[in-house]
Protein backbone atom coordinates (compact mmCIF):
# COMPACT_ATOMS: atom_id res chain seq x y z
CA MET A 1 144.10 122.05 55.26
CA PRO A 2 143.27 124.56 58.15
CA ARG A 3 140.24 122.40 59.13
CA PHE A 4 142.41 119.28 59.58
CA ALA A 5 144.93 121.51 61.80
CA ILE A 6 141.96 122.69 63.89
CA VAL A 7 140.72 119.01 64.34
CA LEU A 8 144.23 118.01 65.21
CA LEU A 9 144.60 120.68 67.75
CA ALA A 10 141.31 119.86 69.28
CA ILE A 11 142.29 116.36 69.65
CA CYS A 12 145.55 117.23 71.32
CA CYS A 13 143.97 119.55 73.75
CA ALA A 14 141.45 117.02 74.70
CA SER A 15 144.21 114.36 75.33
CA ALA A 16 146.38 116.90 77.26
CA ALA A 17 143.23 117.77 79.52
CA ALA A 18 142.39 114.13 80.04
CA ALA A 19 146.08 113.44 81.16
CA GLY A 20 145.60 115.94 84.07
CA GLU A 21 142.65 114.07 85.62
CA PRO A 22 143.20 111.40 88.22
CA GLN A 23 142.58 108.02 86.56
CA ASP A 24 142.09 105.83 89.70
CA ALA A 25 140.15 108.11 92.04
CA PRO A 26 138.95 105.88 94.92
CA PRO A 27 135.19 105.30 94.91
CA PRO A 28 133.25 107.47 97.61
CA ILE A 29 132.94 105.67 100.95
CA ASN A 30 129.42 104.45 101.69
CA ALA A 31 129.33 105.22 105.48
CA LYS A 32 126.05 103.31 105.99
CA LYS A 33 127.40 100.28 104.40
CA LEU A 34 130.64 100.54 106.28
CA PHE A 35 128.71 100.87 109.61
CA ALA A 36 126.69 97.84 108.92
CA ARG A 37 129.89 95.72 108.37
CA HIS A 38 131.91 96.98 111.09
CA CYS A 39 129.68 98.45 113.83
CA GLY A 40 126.22 96.98 113.17
CA TRP A 41 127.03 93.71 115.06
CA CYS A 42 126.67 95.69 118.31
CA HIS A 43 125.00 99.01 117.44
CA GLY A 44 121.39 98.08 116.23
CA ALA A 45 119.55 99.54 113.15
CA TYR A 46 122.36 101.36 111.61
CA GLY A 47 123.16 103.15 114.95
CA LEU A 48 119.55 104.20 115.50
CA ALA A 49 118.72 101.69 118.27
CA ALA A 50 120.38 100.20 121.13
CA ASP A 51 121.28 96.36 120.97
CA LYS A 52 124.40 94.72 122.37
CA ALA A 53 125.91 98.49 122.43
CA PRO A 54 124.29 101.71 123.06
CA ARG A 55 122.32 103.77 120.36
CA LEU A 56 124.69 106.22 118.60
CA ALA A 57 122.03 108.40 117.30
CA GLY A 58 121.92 111.80 119.10
CA THR A 59 125.24 111.09 120.90
CA THR A 60 126.56 114.04 122.84
CA MET A 61 130.26 113.32 121.86
CA THR A 62 131.82 115.71 119.35
CA GLU A 63 132.86 114.35 115.85
CA GLU A 64 136.37 114.28 117.07
CA GLN A 65 135.42 112.45 120.25
CA VAL A 66 133.55 109.74 117.94
CA ARG A 67 136.59 109.56 115.75
CA ALA A 68 138.82 108.85 118.68
CA ARG A 69 136.36 106.34 120.09
CA ILE A 70 136.21 104.55 116.65
CA GLU A 71 140.07 104.37 116.44
CA ASP A 72 141.14 103.52 119.97
CA GLY A 73 137.88 101.72 121.31
CA ALA A 74 136.86 101.81 124.78
CA PRO A 75 138.60 99.25 127.16
CA GLY A 76 136.09 96.35 128.15
CA GLU A 77 133.45 97.82 126.00
CA MET A 78 134.36 98.16 122.32
CA PRO A 79 137.47 97.40 120.16
CA GLY A 80 139.44 99.77 118.46
CA PHE A 81 139.59 99.97 114.66
CA ALA A 82 142.72 101.88 114.03
CA ASN A 83 144.38 98.92 112.46
CA THR A 84 141.29 97.81 110.59
CA LEU A 85 139.93 101.00 108.79
CA SER A 86 141.70 103.71 106.93
CA ALA A 87 141.64 107.36 108.27
CA GLU A 88 139.15 108.23 105.50
CA GLN A 89 136.72 105.36 106.66
CA VAL A 90 137.02 106.46 110.04
CA ASP A 91 136.19 110.06 109.17
CA ALA A 92 133.24 108.87 107.18
CA LEU A 93 131.88 106.77 110.04
CA ALA A 94 132.25 109.66 112.51
CA ARG A 95 130.28 112.04 110.05
CA TYR A 96 127.60 109.34 109.71
CA ILE A 97 127.31 108.86 113.42
CA LYS A 98 126.90 112.55 114.06
CA SER A 99 124.42 112.94 111.27
CA LEU A 100 122.15 110.32 112.84
CA PRO A 101 119.02 112.14 114.39
CA ALA A 102 118.59 112.40 118.04
CA ALA A 103 115.53 110.77 119.61
CA PRO A 104 112.34 112.74 119.66
C-alpha cells in the first residue's frame, strides 16, 4: 500500500508542476526571416548590402534609434511598421540589424 501512495503522490506532483508551466508560449522570433519578409525588398542580402535602400550592417544608429526608424519610418524614404509588426518583432529586428557586421 505505501508503494501505491508514493506513485499516486508522484503523479499528483507532476501534474501540479505541469499546470504551472505556460502551455501556449509563442515560438521564438526568427529575426532573419522576419527581415527577409518585411525589409529585404529594399535592403539587400539580409541587410548586408545596399539595394534600393542602404546597407544596414554597421549602422551608427543606436538600437533605440533603429527601433524608432522601424516603427516610424522615414518620410519619403521608408514606410513605418508600427501598425504591421508587434513590439517584440520590432525589438527582434532592431537587435538583428545591430548584430550585423560592419564592413571591413
